[in-house]
């Protein structure tokens, strides 16, 4: 027998014949006809140089060689089933740390709802969040250091990377609920250019689109405060006369804080897309696929809120 060309299906068939002691019963268990199993038995006898099974008054009985082979076949089959064949994915028994790539804004908008939902279904799951620039994020996704990147990453490119757009939204402004000059639901162009502005300048921020829109319209902002993170917005805006322009979903998340309110900017804003990104290397990974489904179900085509 040439071991490297041996048909491993013969081990399944030998084990079934040994277990049932009948070609008919073994064939039924394997979904094979009796003639097909008889042909397989003939191949086994040739391959192993032994009769393997002998017909007696008590039925089909194994030879000592068949007993030995059946014992080894069961070990091989058990190994294949436990180590090489994927078991059904069960979120409830999942023990895994999900590594997410998110900006601070994405963490504020997506993370509370995502963690709450996933932990209810898969209580053994854990999360590690990283903030990386687009090039670093692409490398981390391809290397498996990040499972999923969620947010706006316009420069995130790679041959193996895939994406699903979740929603498209524009911008809103936030001001103090007691702002001395803004009373209505929309800021006028004069107010917008005269008021002191706060801006967020974190890497890959969605406000870059809005900046280009303002420049194309010849609109200038009086920027008096520039910060690297959006998390400080409520505390600053609620107690000052500053105004800040942020993505629609971020504004809705922050509007729940006391002392601030939403107003519309003086110009129509261009919607931008927010997506989830992953590597095709993990396209069929059950846990990664499940997490993407959760994200899509929570946020796609909707406006996420904290």
Protein backbone atom coordinates (compact mmCIF):
# COMPACT_ATOMS: atom_id res chain seq x y z
CA UNK A 1 0.00 0.00 0.00
CA UNK A 2 1.26 3.48 -0.90
CA UNK A 3 0.42 5.29 2.35
CA UNK A 4 0.39 8.78 0.85
CA UNK A 5 -2.22 7.74 -1.72
CA UNK A 6 -4.39 5.81 0.75
CA UNK A 7 -8.09 6.76 0.65
CA UNK A 8 -8.94 7.87 4.18
CA UNK A 9 -12.62 7.24 3.50
CA UNK A 10 -11.81 3.54 3.88
CA UNK A 11 -11.19 4.14 7.59
CA UNK A 12 -14.73 5.49 8.01
CA UNK A 13 -16.13 2.52 6.15
CA UNK A 14 -14.03 -0.02 8.07
CA UNK A 15 -15.03 1.50 11.42
CA UNK A 16 -18.72 1.43 10.45
CA UNK A 17 -18.61 -2.22 9.34
CA UNK A 18 -16.78 -3.11 12.56
CA UNK A 19 -19.30 -1.20 14.69
CA UNK A 20 -22.47 -2.56 13.07
CA UNK A 21 -21.28 -6.02 12.01
CA UNK A 22 -23.36 -5.68 8.85
CA UNK A 23 -22.72 -4.21 5.44
CA UNK A 24 -26.36 -3.14 5.15
CA UNK A 25 -26.44 -1.32 8.52
CA UNK A 26 -23.02 0.27 7.93
CA UNK A 27 -24.11 1.40 4.47
CA UNK A 28 -27.27 2.99 5.90
CA UNK A 29 -25.21 4.89 8.49
CA UNK A 30 -22.81 6.17 5.84
CA UNK A 31 -25.38 6.80 3.13
CA UNK A 32 -23.87 4.11 0.88
CA UNK A 33 -25.49 1.21 -0.92
CA UNK A 34 -24.54 -2.37 -0.01
CA UNK A 35 -22.77 -2.93 -3.37
CA UNK A 36 -20.73 0.25 -2.83
CA UNK A 37 -19.69 -0.89 0.63
CA UNK A 38 -18.89 -4.39 -0.66
CA UNK A 39 -16.59 -2.77 -3.23
CA UNK A 40 -15.00 -0.68 -0.46
CA UNK A 41 -14.43 -3.83 1.63
CA UNK A 42 -12.66 -5.46 -1.31
CA UNK A 43 -10.37 -2.43 -1.57
CA UNK A 44 -9.65 -2.61 2.17
CA UNK A 45 -8.72 -6.30 1.93
CA UNK A 46 -6.27 -5.49 -0.85
CA UNK A 47 -4.86 -2.43 0.95
CA UNK A 48 -4.32 -4.18 4.29
CA UNK A 49 -3.57 -7.73 3.01
CA UNK A 50 -6.16 -9.31 5.29
CA UNK A 51 -9.74 -10.62 5.01
CA UNK A 52 -10.74 -8.18 7.80
CA UNK A 53 -14.31 -9.48 8.11
CA UNK A 54 -15.44 -13.12 7.84
CA UNK A 55 -19.01 -14.38 7.45
CA UNK A 56 -19.94 -16.86 10.18
CA UNK A 57 -23.10 -18.37 11.61
CA UNK A 58 -23.17 -15.34 13.96
CA UNK A 59 -22.85 -12.83 11.13
CA UNK A 60 -19.94 -10.74 9.88
CA UNK A 61 -17.11 -10.96 12.41
CA UNK A 62 -13.80 -9.03 12.39
CA UNK A 63 -10.37 -10.62 12.21
CA UNK A 64 -7.74 -9.58 14.81
CA UNK A 65 -6.28 -7.24 12.17
CA UNK A 66 -9.70 -5.59 11.69
CA UNK A 67 -10.05 -5.14 15.47
CA UNK A 68 -6.65 -3.42 15.55
CA UNK A 69 -7.44 -1.21 12.56
CA UNK A 70 -10.89 -0.23 13.89
CA UNK A 71 -9.33 0.91 17.18
CA UNK A 72 -6.84 3.12 15.34
CA UNK A 73 -9.50 4.36 12.90
CA UNK A 74 -11.65 5.59 15.79
CA UNK A 75 -8.73 7.58 17.19
CA UNK A 76 -8.05 9.16 13.79
CA UNK A 77 -11.73 9.99 13.23
CA UNK A 78 -12.02 11.51 16.72
CA UNK A 79 -8.91 13.64 16.08
CA UNK A 80 -10.22 14.91 12.75
CA UNK A 81 -13.60 15.78 14.23
CA UNK A 82 -12.16 17.59 17.26
CA UNK A 83 -9.17 19.32 15.69
CA UNK A 84 -9.83 19.79 11.99
CA UNK A 85 -13.59 20.09 11.64
CA UNK A 86 -15.11 23.33 12.89
CA UNK A 87 -17.64 22.83 15.64
CA UNK A 88 -20.93 24.77 15.45
CA UNK A 89 -20.37 28.35 16.58
CA UNK A 90 -21.94 28.96 19.99
CA UNK A 91 -21.72 32.62 21.14
CA UNK A 92 -22.90 31.70 24.64
CA UNK A 93 -19.74 29.63 25.20
CA UNK A 94 -17.39 32.03 23.38
CA UNK A 95 -14.17 32.95 25.20
CA UNK A 96 -12.48 35.60 23.06
CA UNK A 97 -11.02 39.09 23.17
CA UNK A 98 -12.29 41.17 20.26
CA UNK A 99 -9.76 43.78 19.13
CA UNK A 100 -11.47 46.85 17.71
CA UNK A 101 -10.00 49.79 15.82
CA UNK A 102 -11.90 52.99 16.65
CA UNK A 103 -11.34 56.69 17.00
CA UNK A 104 -12.43 58.33 20.25
CA UNK A 105 -15.59 59.53 18.46
CA UNK A 106 -16.40 55.99 17.29
CA UNK A 107 -15.83 54.72 20.82
CA UNK A 108 -18.35 57.23 22.10
CA UNK A 109 -20.97 56.46 19.43
CA UNK A 110 -20.62 52.71 18.90
CA UNK A 111 -18.91 51.13 21.89
CA UNK A 112 -21.58 51.40 24.65
CA UNK A 113 -24.31 49.76 22.59
CA UNK A 114 -21.98 47.20 21.00
CA UNK A 115 -20.44 46.01 24.28
CA UNK A 116 -23.85 45.80 25.95
CA UNK A 117 -25.33 43.72 23.12
CA UNK A 118 -22.37 41.36 22.69
CA UNK A 119 -21.99 40.76 26.45
CA UNK A 120 -25.64 39.75 26.74
CA UNK A 121 -25.24 37.09 24.05
CA UNK A 122 -21.61 36.10 24.69
CA UNK A 123 -20.81 36.85 28.36
CA UNK A 124 -17.32 35.36 28.01
CA UNK A 125 -16.30 37.96 25.42
CA UNK A 126 -13.85 40.78 26.12
CA UNK A 127 -12.80 43.90 24.19
CA UNK A 128 -9.57 45.73 23.46
CA UNK A 129 -9.89 49.06 21.63
CA UNK A 130 -7.09 50.75 19.68
CA UNK A 131 -6.88 54.16 18.00
CA UNK A 132 -4.65 53.98 14.92
CA UNK A 133 -4.15 56.03 11.78
CA UNK A 134 -5.41 54.56 8.50
CA UNK A 135 -2.09 53.06 7.35
CA UNK A 136 -1.41 51.48 10.73
CA UNK A 137 -5.01 50.24 10.88
CA UNK A 138 -4.69 48.54 7.48
CA UNK A 139 -1.54 46.73 8.59
CA UNK A 140 -3.14 45.71 11.89
CA UNK A 141 -6.24 44.32 10.15
CA UNK A 142 -4.18 42.32 7.68
CA UNK A 143 -1.94 40.96 10.46
CA UNK A 144 -4.90 39.99 12.63
CA UNK A 145 -3.95 42.48 15.36
CA UNK A 146 -7.35 44.16 14.88
CA UNK A 147 -10.51 42.15 14.21
CA UNK A 148 -12.70 45.01 13.08
CA UNK A 149 -12.27 48.73 12.40
CA UNK A 150 -15.41 50.81 12.82
CA UNK A 151 -15.73 54.44 11.80
CA UNK A 152 -14.66 56.69 8.96
CA UNK A 153 -11.28 55.70 7.53
CA UNK A 154 -11.09 57.28 4.05
CA UNK A 155 -7.43 56.31 3.60
CA UNK A 156 -7.84 52.74 4.81
CA UNK A 157 -6.67 50.68 1.84
CA UNK A 158 -5.33 47.17 1.35
CA UNK A 159 -5.71 44.35 -1.15
CA UNK A 160 -7.26 42.05 1.43
CA UNK A 161 -9.51 44.60 3.15
CA UNK A 162 -13.29 44.57 2.92
CA UNK A 163 -15.87 47.07 4.11
CA UNK A 164 -19.58 47.48 4.74
CA UNK A 165 -21.08 50.95 4.89
CA UNK A 166 -23.29 51.37 7.94
CA UNK A 167 -24.81 54.80 7.36
CA UNK A 168 -24.26 58.23 5.81
CA UNK A 169 -24.79 61.40 7.82
CA UNK A 170 -23.91 65.08 7.78
CA UNK A 171 -23.10 67.49 10.62
CA UNK A 172 -24.76 69.36 13.47
CA UNK A 173 -23.60 72.04 15.88
CA UNK A 174 -23.58 71.99 19.67
CA UNK A 175 -23.92 75.09 21.84
CA UNK A 176 -24.67 75.84 25.46
CA UNK A 177 -28.33 75.59 26.40
CA UNK A 178 -27.89 79.11 27.84
CA UNK A 179 -25.95 80.53 24.92
CA UNK A 180 -26.28 84.34 24.97
CA UNK A 181 -26.60 84.78 21.18
CA UNK A 182 -28.16 81.62 19.73
CA UNK A 183 -31.85 81.29 20.48
CA UNK A 184 -33.31 79.45 17.48
CA UNK A 185 -32.73 76.01 15.98
CA UNK A 186 -30.25 77.17 13.34
CA UNK A 187 -27.11 79.29 13.38
CA UNK A 188 -27.01 82.16 10.90
CA UNK A 189 -23.97 82.61 8.68
CA UNK A 190 -23.00 85.83 10.47
CA UNK A 191 -23.22 84.12 13.86
CA UNK A 192 -21.25 81.13 12.62
CA UNK A 193 -18.35 83.26 11.39
CA UNK A 194 -18.32 85.56 14.42
CA UNK A 195 -18.72 83.05 17.25
CA UNK A 196 -15.66 81.41 18.88
CA UNK A 197 -15.27 77.81 17.70
CA UNK A 198 -14.00 74.64 19.26
CA UNK A 199 -12.67 71.97 16.88
CA UNK A 200 -11.50 68.38 17.30
CA UNK A 201 -8.29 67.58 15.44
CA UNK A 202 -7.80 63.85 16.02
CA UNK A 203 -6.29 61.74 13.16
CA UNK A 204 -8.78 60.66 10.50
CA UNK A 205 -11.54 62.87 11.89
CA UNK A 206 -14.71 63.23 9.85
CA UNK A 207 -14.56 67.03 10.27
CA UNK A 208 -11.98 67.17 7.46
CA UNK A 209 -14.88 66.90 4.99
CA UNK A 210 -16.62 69.80 6.67
CA UNK A 211 -13.41 71.87 6.63
CA UNK A 212 -13.16 71.42 2.85
CA UNK A 213 -16.80 72.38 2.43
CA UNK A 214 -16.28 75.60 4.40
CA UNK A 215 -13.21 76.51 2.33
CA UNK A 216 -15.13 75.92 -0.91
CA UNK A 217 -17.81 78.34 0.31
CA UNK A 218 -15.31 80.90 1.57
CA UNK A 219 -16.53 80.50 5.17
CA UNK A 220 -14.00 81.13 7.92
CA UNK A 221 -14.24 80.02 11.54
CA UNK A 222 -12.87 81.86 14.54
CA UNK A 223 -11.13 78.87 16.17
CA UNK A 224 -10.17 79.60 19.77
CA UNK A 225 -9.86 76.02 21.03
CA UNK A 226 -8.47 72.92 19.35
CA UNK A 227 -8.55 69.57 21.17
CA UNK A 228 -7.42 66.04 20.19
CA UNK A 229 -10.47 64.25 21.61
CA UNK A 230 -14.23 64.76 21.47
CA UNK A 231 -14.92 63.51 24.98
CA UNK A 232 -14.29 66.93 26.54
CA UNK A 233 -16.89 68.66 24.35
CA UNK A 234 -19.86 68.58 26.80
CA UNK A 235 -17.96 70.07 29.73
CA UNK A 236 -16.52 72.91 27.65
CA UNK A 237 -19.53 73.77 25.50
CA UNK A 238 -22.08 73.71 28.34
CA UNK A 239 -20.22 76.42 30.27
CA UNK A 240 -19.08 78.73 27.46
CA UNK A 241 -20.18 80.72 24.42
CA UNK A 242 -18.23 78.40 22.08
CA UNK A 243 -19.78 76.43 19.23
CA UNK A 244 -18.58 73.09 17.88
CA UNK A 245 -19.52 71.30 14.65
CA UNK A 246 -19.49 67.50 14.83
CA UNK A 247 -20.84 64.51 12.87
CA UNK A 248 -24.58 63.99 13.19
CA UNK A 249 -24.37 60.78 15.25
CA UNK A 250 -21.81 62.30 17.61
CA UNK A 251 -24.04 65.31 18.15
CA UNK A 252 -26.98 63.08 19.05
CA UNK A 253 -24.84 61.14 21.50
CA UNK A 254 -23.58 64.30 23.21
CA UNK A 255 -26.97 66.04 23.22
CA UNK A 256 -28.04 63.84 26.14
CA UNK A 257 -25.62 65.74 28.38
CA UNK A 258 -27.15 68.48 30.48
CA UNK A 259 -26.48 72.07 29.52
CA UNK A 260 -26.00 71.66 25.76
CA UNK A 261 -28.34 71.61 22.78
CA UNK A 262 -28.34 70.93 19.05
CA UNK A 263 -28.54 73.58 16.33
CA UNK A 264 -28.23 73.32 12.57
CA UNK A 265 -25.21 74.78 10.79
CA UNK A 266 -25.79 77.67 8.35
CA UNK A 267 -25.07 75.55 5.24
CA UNK A 268 -26.24 72.18 4.00
CA UNK A 269 -23.56 69.62 4.76
CA UNK A 270 -22.32 66.78 2.60
CA UNK A 271 -23.08 63.36 4.15
CA UNK A 272 -20.10 61.06 4.69
CA UNK A 273 -20.05 57.30 5.06
CA UNK A 274 -19.24 55.37 8.23
CA UNK A 275 -18.25 51.72 7.71
CA UNK A 276 -16.94 48.60 9.33
CA UNK A 277 -13.71 47.18 7.87
CA UNK A 278 -12.11 43.74 8.12
CA UNK A 279 -9.54 41.54 6.38
CA UNK A 280 -10.62 38.86 3.91
CA UNK A 281 -8.28 36.53 5.82
CA UNK A 282 -10.94 36.43 8.53
CA UNK A 283 -13.98 36.56 6.23
CA UNK A 284 -15.06 33.06 7.28
CA UNK A 285 -13.88 33.16 10.88
CA UNK A 286 -17.10 32.34 12.82
CA UNK A 287 -16.51 34.83 15.67
CA UNK A 288 -15.44 37.65 13.33
CA UNK A 289 -18.41 36.98 11.06
CA UNK A 290 -20.76 36.98 14.05
CA UNK A 291 -19.36 40.28 15.37
CA UNK A 292 -19.80 41.92 11.95
CA UNK A 293 -23.41 40.73 11.90
CA UNK A 294 -23.99 42.29 15.33
CA UNK A 295 -22.47 45.61 14.22
CA UNK A 296 -24.54 45.63 11.03
CA UNK A 297 -27.73 44.83 12.92
CA UNK A 298 -27.15 47.56 15.49
CA UNK A 299 -25.98 50.41 13.29
CA UNK A 300 -26.60 49.87 9.59
CA UNK A 301 -29.04 52.35 8.01
CA UNK A 302 -29.77 53.87 11.41
CA UNK A 303 -28.49 56.66 13.63
CA UNK A 304 -26.58 55.15 16.55
CA UNK A 305 -27.09 56.71 19.96
CA UNK A 306 -25.17 56.19 23.16
